């Protein structure tokens, strides 16, 4: 879970850097294309983060279930 905020911050930094580069270029078409690419990259990164969090939650749930089963067996 700790890795997600830093990944988001890194993504935001990359996007702002790319936007600064795009602003330096006079052609609007290139800016629009880069903007589309940035949006796609952001979406992909968000999806990856969500998947990671889901996997971590599943693992935690599995561990809890195993722990509960162990307690029942001891009784």
C-alpha atoms as a PDB file:
ATOM      1  CA  UNK A   1       0.000   0.000   0.000  1.00  0.00           C
ATOM      2  CA  UNK A   2       2.871   2.355   0.763  1.00  0.00           C
ATOM      3  CA  UNK A   3       4.125   2.257  -2.838  1.00  0.00           C
ATOM      4  CA  UNK A   4       0.911   3.603  -4.373  1.00  0.00           C
ATOM      5  CA  UNK A   5       1.140   7.289  -3.321  1.00  0.00           C
ATOM      6  CA  UNK A   6       4.780   7.572  -4.414  1.00  0.00           C
ATOM      7  CA  UNK A   7       3.942   5.987  -7.773  1.00  0.00           C
ATOM      8  CA  UNK A   8       1.121   8.489  -8.218  1.00  0.00           C
ATOM      9  CA  UNK A   9       3.460  11.371  -7.346  1.00  0.00           C
ATOM     10  CA  UNK A  10       6.052  10.090  -9.825  1.00  0.00           C
ATOM     11  CA  UNK A  11       3.373   9.821 -12.515  1.00  0.00           C
ATOM     12  CA  UNK A  12       2.229  13.381 -11.828  1.00  0.00           C
ATOM     13  CA  UNK A  13       5.822  14.631 -12.039  1.00  0.00           C
ATOM     14  CA  UNK A  14       6.334  12.810 -15.354  1.00  0.00           C
ATOM     15  CA  UNK A  15       3.118  14.308 -16.727  1.00  0.00           C
ATOM     16  CA  UNK A  16       4.071  17.864 -15.722  1.00  0.00           C
ATOM     17  CA  UNK A  17       7.539  17.413 -17.250  1.00  0.00           C
ATOM     18  CA  UNK A  18       6.001  16.158 -20.503  1.00  0.00           C
ATOM     19  CA  UNK A  19       3.518  19.042 -20.468  1.00  0.00           C
ATOM     20  CA  UNK A  20       6.384  21.523 -20.056  1.00  0.00           C
ATOM     21  CA  UNK A  21       8.140  19.956 -23.057  1.00  0.00           C
ATOM     22  CA  UNK A  22       4.926  20.103 -25.079  1.00  0.00           C
ATOM     23  CA  UNK A  23       4.427  23.771 -24.177  1.00  0.00           C
ATOM     24  CA  UNK A  24       7.929  24.532 -25.470  1.00  0.00           C
ATOM     25  CA  UNK A  25       6.975  23.154 -28.890  1.00  0.00           C
ATOM     26  CA  UNK A  26       5.079  25.568 -31.146  1.00  0.00           C
ATOM     27  CA  UNK A  27       2.944  22.969 -32.931  1.00  0.00           C
ATOM     28  CA  UNK A  28      -0.478  22.439 -31.347  1.00  0.00           C
ATOM     29  CA  UNK A  29      -1.036  19.048 -32.972  1.00  0.00           C
ATOM     30  CA  UNK A  30       1.933  17.598 -31.130  1.00  0.00           C
ATOM     31  CA  UNK A  31       0.625  19.029 -27.879  1.00  0.00           C
ATOM     32  CA  UNK A  32      -2.751  17.386 -28.404  1.00  0.00           C
ATOM     33  CA  UNK A  33      -1.167  14.029 -29.221  1.00  0.00           C
ATOM     34  CA  UNK A  34       1.065  14.185 -26.168  1.00  0.00           C
ATOM     35  CA  UNK A  35      -1.890  15.162 -24.019  1.00  0.00           C
ATOM     36  CA  UNK A  36      -3.804  12.085 -25.208  1.00  0.00           C
ATOM     37  CA  UNK A  37      -0.800   9.887 -24.483  1.00  0.00           C
ATOM     38  CA  UNK A  38      -0.473  11.380 -21.001  1.00  0.00           C
ATOM     39  CA  UNK A  39      -4.107  10.639 -20.240  1.00  0.00           C
ATOM     40  CA  UNK A  40      -3.680   7.046 -21.400  1.00  0.00           C
ATOM     41  CA  UNK A  41      -0.558   6.630 -19.284  1.00  0.00           C
ATOM     42  CA  UNK A  42      -2.330   8.016 -16.228  1.00  0.00           C
ATOM     43  CA  UNK A  43      -5.248   5.639 -16.735  1.00  0.00           C
ATOM     44  CA  UNK A  44      -2.907   2.669 -17.118  1.00  0.00           C
ATOM     45  CA  UNK A  45      -1.012   3.579 -13.962  1.00  0.00           C
ATOM     46  CA  UNK A  46      -4.227   4.028 -12.017  1.00  0.00           C
ATOM     47  CA  UNK A  47      -5.435   0.613 -13.189  1.00  0.00           C
ATOM     48  CA  UNK A  48      -2.144  -0.972 -12.140  1.00  0.00           C
ATOM     49  CA  UNK A  49      -2.362   0.635  -8.709  1.00  0.00           C
ATOM     50  CA  UNK A  50      -5.939  -0.563  -8.255  1.00  0.00           C
ATOM     51  CA  UNK A  51      -4.963  -4.095  -9.279  1.00  0.00           C
ATOM     52  CA  UNK A  52      -2.073  -4.031  -6.824  1.00  0.00           C
ATOM     53  CA  UNK A  53      -4.316  -2.892  -4.002  1.00  0.00           C
ATOM     54  CA  UNK A  54      -6.899  -5.568  -4.840  1.00  0.00           C
ATOM     55  CA  UNK A  55      -4.222  -8.263  -4.805  1.00  0.00           C
ATOM     56  CA  UNK A  56      -2.923  -7.035  -1.451  1.00  0.00           C
ATOM     57  CA  UNK A  57      -6.439  -7.026  -0.006  1.00  0.00           C
ATOM     58  CA  UNK A  58      -7.038 -10.571  -1.269  1.00  0.00           C
ATOM     59  CA  UNK A  59      -3.801 -11.754   0.316  1.00  0.00           C
ATOM     60  CA  UNK A  60      -4.734 -10.150   3.633  1.00  0.00           C
ATOM     61  CA  UNK A  61      -8.174 -11.776   3.539  1.00  0.00           C
ATOM     62  CA  UNK A  62      -6.657 -15.182   2.796  1.00  0.00           C
ATOM     63  CA  UNK A  63      -4.241 -14.819   5.693  1.00  0.00           C
ATOM     64  CA  UNK A  64      -7.088 -13.875   8.035  1.00  0.00           C
ATOM     65  CA  UNK A  65      -9.142 -16.876   6.910  1.00  0.00           C
ATOM     66  CA  UNK A  66      -6.221 -19.230   7.508  1.00  0.00           C
ATOM     67  CA  UNK A  67      -5.688 -17.716  10.935  1.00  0.00           C
ATOM     68  CA  UNK A  68      -9.340 -18.251  11.842  1.00  0.00           C
ATOM     69  CA  UNK A  69      -9.187 -21.873  10.667  1.00  0.00           C
ATOM     70  CA  UNK A  70      -6.090 -22.474  12.786  1.00  0.00           C
ATOM     71  CA  UNK A  71      -7.837 -21.102  15.876  1.00  0.00           C
ATOM     72  CA  UNK A  72     -10.828 -23.375  15.300  1.00  0.00           C
ATOM     73  CA  UNK A  73      -8.598 -26.436  14.950  1.00  0.00           C
ATOM     74  CA  UNK A  74      -6.839 -25.689  18.239  1.00  0.00           C
ATOM     75  CA  UNK A  75     -10.149 -25.770  20.091  1.00  0.00           C
END
